[in-house]
Amino acid sequence: LMKVFFSGNVSPNQSIAMLQKFIAGCQAYLEELSRTPESISQYGQSVEPYQALYWKLTADFGNSFMEMCIAWAQRCIAKLEPLV
């Protein structure tokens, strides 16, 4: 967010590129998270079901947060594009 806050000192094209890179990073993280349910299923067999539920809740937060970050960055890009 600090980069975005101070992005008024660079061109809109540079800001868009920065946000696109941020989106790519978030998408890569989502790709990693997509393997989490399989891990939870595998390791969840060694604990009580309610314990594995907390792992699922945590993974859900990570997934939701990354999706929110991507949507936010896309909205930012849409607002910057008319300035290019």
N, C-alpha and C. Protein backbone atom coordinates (compact mmCIF):
# COMPACT_ATOMS: atom_id res chain seq x y z
N LEU A 1 0.82 -1.20 0.00
CA LEU A 1 0.00 0.00 0.00
C LEU A 1 0.86 1.26 0.00
N MET A 2 2.03 1.16 0.62
CA MET A 2 2.93 2.33 0.61
C MET A 2 3.36 2.65 -0.82
N LYS A 3 3.60 1.63 -1.61
CA LYS A 3 3.97 1.86 -3.02
C LYS A 3 2.85 2.58 -3.74
N VAL A 4 1.62 2.16 -3.51
CA VAL A 4 0.48 2.81 -4.16
C VAL A 4 0.34 4.24 -3.65
N PHE A 5 0.48 4.42 -2.36
CA PHE A 5 0.34 5.75 -1.77
C PHE A 5 1.28 6.76 -2.42
N PHE A 6 2.52 6.32 -2.69
CA PHE A 6 3.52 7.22 -3.25
C PHE A 6 3.65 7.11 -4.77
N SER A 7 2.75 6.39 -5.41
CA SER A 7 2.83 6.21 -6.86
C SER A 7 2.49 7.46 -7.65
N GLY A 8 2.02 8.49 -7.00
CA GLY A 8 1.79 9.75 -7.69
C GLY A 8 3.08 10.36 -8.20
N ASN A 9 4.22 9.81 -7.77
CA ASN A 9 5.52 10.31 -8.21
C ASN A 9 6.05 9.58 -9.43
N VAL A 10 5.28 8.62 -9.96
CA VAL A 10 5.67 7.90 -11.17
C VAL A 10 4.53 7.98 -12.17
N SER A 11 4.81 7.54 -13.39
CA SER A 11 3.78 7.61 -14.42
C SER A 11 2.67 6.59 -14.15
N PRO A 12 1.47 6.86 -14.67
CA PRO A 12 0.39 5.88 -14.53
C PRO A 12 0.77 4.52 -15.13
N ASN A 13 1.54 4.52 -16.21
CA ASN A 13 1.98 3.25 -16.80
C ASN A 13 2.82 2.44 -15.82
N GLN A 14 3.69 3.11 -15.09
CA GLN A 14 4.52 2.43 -14.10
C GLN A 14 3.65 1.88 -12.96
N SER A 15 2.67 2.65 -12.57
CA SER A 15 1.76 2.20 -11.51
C SER A 15 0.95 0.99 -11.96
N ILE A 16 0.50 1.02 -13.20
CA ILE A 16 -0.26 -0.10 -13.75
C ILE A 16 0.63 -1.35 -13.78
N ALA A 17 1.86 -1.19 -14.22
CA ALA A 17 2.78 -2.32 -14.27
C ALA A 17 3.02 -2.89 -12.87
N MET A 18 3.15 -2.00 -11.88
CA MET A 18 3.35 -2.44 -10.51
C MET A 18 2.14 -3.24 -10.02
N LEU A 19 0.95 -2.74 -10.33
CA LEU A 19 -0.27 -3.42 -9.91
C LEU A 19 -0.45 -4.75 -10.64
N GLN A 20 -0.07 -4.80 -11.90
CA GLN A 20 -0.14 -6.06 -12.65
C GLN A 20 0.81 -7.09 -12.04
N LYS A 21 1.98 -6.65 -11.62
CA LYS A 21 2.93 -7.54 -10.97
C LYS A 21 2.36 -8.03 -9.63
N PHE A 22 1.69 -7.15 -8.92
CA PHE A 22 1.05 -7.52 -7.66
C PHE A 22 -0.02 -8.58 -7.91
N ILE A 23 -0.83 -8.38 -8.95
CA ILE A 23 -1.86 -9.35 -9.31
C ILE A 23 -1.23 -10.70 -9.63
N ALA A 24 -0.16 -10.70 -10.39
CA ALA A 24 0.51 -11.95 -10.74
C ALA A 24 1.01 -12.68 -9.49
N GLY A 25 1.53 -11.92 -8.54
CA GLY A 25 1.98 -12.53 -7.29
C GLY A 25 0.82 -13.13 -6.51
N CYS A 26 -0.29 -12.42 -6.48
CA CYS A 26 -1.48 -12.93 -5.78
C CYS A 26 -2.01 -14.19 -6.46
N GLN A 27 -2.00 -14.19 -7.79
CA GLN A 27 -2.47 -15.36 -8.52
C GLN A 27 -1.55 -16.56 -8.28
N ALA A 28 -0.25 -16.32 -8.18
CA ALA A 28 0.69 -17.40 -7.89
C ALA A 28 0.43 -17.96 -6.49
N TYR A 29 0.14 -17.07 -5.56
CA TYR A 29 -0.16 -17.50 -4.20
C TYR A 29 -1.45 -18.32 -4.17
N LEU A 30 -2.45 -17.89 -4.94
CA LEU A 30 -3.70 -18.65 -5.03
C LEU A 30 -3.44 -20.04 -5.60
N GLU A 31 -2.54 -20.11 -6.56
CA GLU A 31 -2.19 -21.41 -7.14
C GLU A 31 -1.62 -22.33 -6.07
N GLU A 32 -0.74 -21.78 -5.23
CA GLU A 32 -0.18 -22.56 -4.12
C GLU A 32 -1.28 -22.98 -3.15
N LEU A 33 -2.17 -22.07 -2.86
CA LEU A 33 -3.27 -22.37 -1.93
C LEU A 33 -4.22 -23.42 -2.48
N SER A 34 -4.27 -23.56 -3.79
CA SER A 34 -5.19 -24.54 -4.37
C SER A 34 -4.82 -25.97 -3.99
N ARG A 35 -3.58 -26.17 -3.55
CA ARG A 35 -3.16 -27.50 -3.11
C ARG A 35 -3.44 -27.74 -1.62
N THR A 36 -3.85 -26.71 -0.93
CA THR A 36 -4.08 -26.81 0.51
C THR A 36 -5.18 -27.81 0.87
N PRO A 37 -6.33 -27.82 0.20
CA PRO A 37 -7.36 -28.79 0.58
C PRO A 37 -6.87 -30.24 0.56
N GLU A 38 -6.03 -30.55 -0.40
CA GLU A 38 -5.48 -31.91 -0.47
C GLU A 38 -4.61 -32.19 0.75
N SER A 39 -3.79 -31.22 1.14
CA SER A 39 -2.94 -31.39 2.32
C SER A 39 -3.78 -31.52 3.58
N ILE A 40 -4.80 -30.68 3.67
CA ILE A 40 -5.67 -30.74 4.85
C ILE A 40 -6.37 -32.09 4.92
N SER A 41 -6.81 -32.59 3.78
CA SER A 41 -7.47 -33.88 3.75
C SER A 41 -6.51 -34.99 4.19
N GLN A 42 -5.29 -34.92 3.71
CA GLN A 42 -4.30 -35.94 4.04
C GLN A 42 -3.91 -35.88 5.52
N TYR A 43 -3.50 -34.71 5.99
CA TYR A 43 -3.04 -34.59 7.37
C TYR A 43 -4.20 -34.52 8.36
N GLY A 44 -5.37 -34.12 7.87
CA GLY A 44 -6.53 -34.02 8.73
C GLY A 44 -7.00 -35.36 9.28
N GLN A 45 -6.57 -36.43 8.64
CA GLN A 45 -6.95 -37.76 9.12
C GLN A 45 -6.26 -38.13 10.42
N SER A 46 -5.19 -37.40 10.75
CA SER A 46 -4.44 -37.71 11.96
C SER A 46 -4.87 -36.87 13.16
N VAL A 47 -5.88 -36.02 12.97
CA VAL A 47 -6.38 -35.18 14.06
C VAL A 47 -7.89 -35.30 14.13
N GLU A 48 -8.45 -34.72 15.16
CA GLU A 48 -9.91 -34.69 15.28
C GLU A 48 -10.49 -33.84 14.15
N PRO A 49 -11.66 -34.20 13.64
CA PRO A 49 -12.26 -33.44 12.53
C PRO A 49 -12.40 -31.94 12.83
N TYR A 50 -12.74 -31.60 14.07
CA TYR A 50 -12.90 -30.17 14.38
C TYR A 50 -11.56 -29.44 14.28
N GLN A 51 -10.45 -30.13 14.50
CA GLN A 51 -9.15 -29.48 14.38
C GLN A 51 -8.83 -29.16 12.92
N ALA A 52 -9.12 -30.08 12.04
CA ALA A 52 -8.90 -29.85 10.61
C ALA A 52 -9.80 -28.73 10.10
N LEU A 53 -10.95 -28.56 10.72
CA LEU A 53 -11.84 -27.48 10.33
C LEU A 53 -11.15 -26.13 10.48
N TYR A 54 -10.37 -25.95 11.53
CA TYR A 54 -9.67 -24.69 11.73
C TYR A 54 -8.63 -24.46 10.64
N TRP A 55 -8.02 -25.54 10.15
CA TRP A 55 -7.09 -25.41 9.03
C TRP A 55 -7.84 -24.93 7.79
N LYS A 56 -9.04 -25.50 7.59
CA LYS A 56 -9.85 -25.11 6.43
C LYS A 56 -10.28 -23.64 6.54
N LEU A 57 -10.64 -23.22 7.75
CA LEU A 57 -11.03 -21.82 7.95
C LEU A 57 -9.89 -20.88 7.63
N THR A 58 -8.70 -21.26 8.04
CA THR A 58 -7.51 -20.44 7.79
C THR A 58 -7.21 -20.37 6.29
N ALA A 59 -7.29 -21.50 5.63
CA ALA A 59 -7.05 -21.54 4.18
C ALA A 59 -8.11 -20.71 3.45
N ASP A 60 -9.34 -20.77 3.92
CA ASP A 60 -10.41 -19.97 3.31
C ASP A 60 -10.12 -18.48 3.43
N PHE A 61 -9.61 -18.07 4.58
CA PHE A 61 -9.25 -16.66 4.74
C PHE A 61 -8.17 -16.27 3.73
N GLY A 62 -7.13 -17.09 3.62
CA GLY A 62 -6.05 -16.79 2.68
C GLY A 62 -6.56 -16.68 1.26
N ASN A 63 -7.43 -17.57 0.87
CA ASN A 63 -8.01 -17.55 -0.46
C ASN A 63 -8.86 -16.30 -0.67
N SER A 64 -9.70 -16.00 0.28
CA SER A 64 -10.57 -14.82 0.18
C SER A 64 -9.76 -13.54 0.14
N PHE A 65 -8.71 -13.48 0.94
CA PHE A 65 -7.87 -12.28 0.98
C PHE A 65 -7.16 -12.06 -0.36
N MET A 66 -6.63 -13.13 -0.94
CA MET A 66 -5.95 -12.99 -2.23
C MET A 66 -6.93 -12.58 -3.32
N GLU A 67 -8.13 -13.14 -3.30
CA GLU A 67 -9.14 -12.75 -4.28
C GLU A 67 -9.52 -11.28 -4.12
N MET A 68 -9.62 -10.83 -2.87
CA MET A 68 -9.93 -9.42 -2.63
C MET A 68 -8.81 -8.53 -3.14
N CYS A 69 -7.56 -8.92 -2.90
CA CYS A 69 -6.41 -8.13 -3.36
C CYS A 69 -6.40 -8.02 -4.88
N ILE A 70 -6.69 -9.11 -5.56
CA ILE A 70 -6.73 -9.09 -7.02
C ILE A 70 -7.84 -8.17 -7.52
N ALA A 71 -9.01 -8.28 -6.95
CA ALA A 71 -10.14 -7.42 -7.36
C ALA A 71 -9.82 -5.95 -7.12
N TRP A 72 -9.21 -5.65 -5.98
CA TRP A 72 -8.83 -4.27 -5.66
C TRP A 72 -7.83 -3.74 -6.68
N ALA A 73 -6.80 -4.52 -6.98
CA ALA A 73 -5.77 -4.08 -7.94
C ALA A 73 -6.38 -3.89 -9.32
N GLN A 74 -7.31 -4.73 -9.71
CA GLN A 74 -7.98 -4.58 -11.01
C GLN A 74 -8.78 -3.29 -11.06
N ARG A 75 -9.45 -2.96 -9.94
CA ARG A 75 -10.20 -1.69 -9.89
C ARG A 75 -9.24 -0.50 -9.98
N CYS A 76 -8.10 -0.60 -9.33
CA CYS A 76 -7.10 0.48 -9.40
C CYS A 76 -6.62 0.67 -10.83
N ILE A 77 -6.32 -0.43 -11.50
CA ILE A 77 -5.85 -0.35 -12.88
C ILE A 77 -6.92 0.30 -13.76
N ALA A 78 -8.17 -0.08 -13.58
CA ALA A 78 -9.26 0.50 -14.37
C ALA A 78 -9.36 2.00 -14.16
N LYS A 79 -9.05 2.48 -12.97
CA LYS A 79 -9.09 3.93 -12.69
C LYS A 79 -7.86 4.63 -13.24
N LEU A 80 -6.76 3.93 -13.38
CA LEU A 80 -5.54 4.55 -13.91
C LEU A 80 -5.49 4.56 -15.43
N GLU A 81 -6.11 3.59 -16.07
CA GLU A 81 -6.02 3.46 -17.52
C GLU A 81 -6.45 4.72 -18.28
N PRO A 82 -7.47 5.45 -17.86
CA PRO A 82 -7.82 6.68 -18.59
C PRO A 82 -6.71 7.75 -18.54
N LEU A 83 -5.80 7.62 -17.60
CA LEU A 83 -4.72 8.60 -17.47
C LEU A 83 -3.56 8.34 -18.42
N VAL A 84 -3.58 7.16 -19.04
CA VAL A 84 -2.46 6.77 -19.92
C VAL A 84 -2.59 7.44 -21.27
